[in-house]
Amino acid sequence: KLSGKTVYSVAGGALIICLERKLSLELIREIAALKPERVVCLDEGFAGNDQLKANAVQTMKAKGVTSFKTA
């Protein structure tokens, strides 16, 4: 659990999966702080908030996440 939301860690933390339907910048920062190689989130979690999604992409890049995808 991060920021009260459920996240899944796979392969010793190399992959983080978040299937929450409501994401926050705080949650994105906590996920990025784990420094996984890859992160997958539901696109629906951004609720059409393009600014939050853009911030998520930049936050992940800054922490060295090589792959950030939404599904």
Protein backbone atom coordinates (compact mmCIF):
# COMPACT_ATOMS: atom_id res chain seq x y z
CA LYS A 1 0.00 0.00 0.00
CA LEU A 2 1.20 3.46 -0.93
CA SER A 3 -0.87 6.58 -0.16
CA GLY A 4 -3.67 4.25 0.88
CA LYS A 5 -3.76 2.63 -2.57
CA THR A 6 -2.85 -0.91 -3.58
CA VAL A 7 0.20 -1.40 -5.78
CA TYR A 8 1.76 -4.66 -6.88
CA SER A 9 5.49 -5.27 -6.92
CA VAL A 10 6.76 -7.91 -9.37
CA ALA A 11 10.24 -9.36 -9.82
CA GLY A 12 11.70 -7.87 -6.66
CA GLY A 13 10.35 -4.40 -7.40
CA ALA A 14 11.55 -4.21 -11.00
CA LEU A 15 7.92 -3.84 -12.13
CA ILE A 16 5.23 -1.91 -10.26
CA ILE A 17 1.59 -2.30 -11.29
CA CYS A 18 -1.11 0.05 -10.03
CA LEU A 19 -4.72 -0.78 -10.97
CA GLU A 20 -6.30 2.02 -8.97
CA ARG A 21 -9.01 4.05 -10.70
CA LYS A 22 -7.97 7.30 -9.02
CA LEU A 23 -4.32 8.34 -9.02
CA SER A 24 -2.71 11.29 -7.26
CA LEU A 25 0.61 13.04 -7.69
CA GLU A 26 1.53 11.88 -4.18
CA LEU A 27 0.99 8.24 -5.20
CA ILE A 28 2.97 8.73 -8.44
CA ARG A 29 5.88 10.18 -6.44
CA GLU A 30 5.81 7.29 -3.97
CA ILE A 31 5.87 4.75 -6.80
CA ALA A 32 8.75 6.58 -8.50
CA ALA A 33 10.68 6.69 -5.21
CA LEU A 34 10.80 2.88 -5.29
CA LYS A 35 12.91 3.25 -8.47
CA PRO A 36 11.40 0.38 -10.44
CA GLU A 37 12.50 -0.30 -14.00
CA ARG A 38 8.92 -0.36 -15.28
CA VAL A 39 5.56 0.98 -14.11
CA VAL A 40 2.08 0.19 -15.43
CA CYS A 41 -1.03 2.15 -14.38
CA LEU A 42 -4.60 2.26 -15.59
CA ASP A 43 -5.15 5.17 -17.96
CA GLU A 44 -8.53 5.58 -16.29
CA GLY A 45 -6.67 6.46 -13.08
CA PHE A 46 -5.74 9.83 -14.54
CA ALA A 47 -9.45 10.64 -15.12
CA GLY A 48 -8.64 12.72 -18.19
CA ASN A 49 -6.20 14.90 -16.22
CA ASP A 50 -3.48 15.42 -18.84
CA GLN A 51 -1.42 17.57 -16.49
CA LEU A 52 -1.27 14.78 -13.89
CA LYS A 53 -0.29 12.28 -16.58
CA ALA A 54 2.45 14.59 -17.93
CA ASN A 55 3.75 15.12 -14.38
CA ALA A 56 3.75 11.35 -13.86
CA VAL A 57 5.84 10.83 -17.00
CA GLN A 58 8.38 13.48 -15.94
CA THR A 59 8.53 12.17 -12.36
CA MET A 60 9.20 8.63 -13.59
CA LYS A 61 11.93 9.81 -15.98
CA ALA A 62 13.61 11.79 -13.20
CA LYS A 63 13.76 8.66 -11.03
CA GLY A 64 15.20 6.51 -13.81
CA VAL A 65 12.09 4.50 -14.64
CA THR A 66 12.79 3.18 -18.15
CA SER A 67 9.20 2.28 -19.06
CA PHE A 68 6.01 4.01 -17.88
CA LYS A 69 2.86 2.72 -19.54
CA THR A 70 -0.86 3.11 -19.11
CA ALA A 71 -3.41 0.52 -20.11
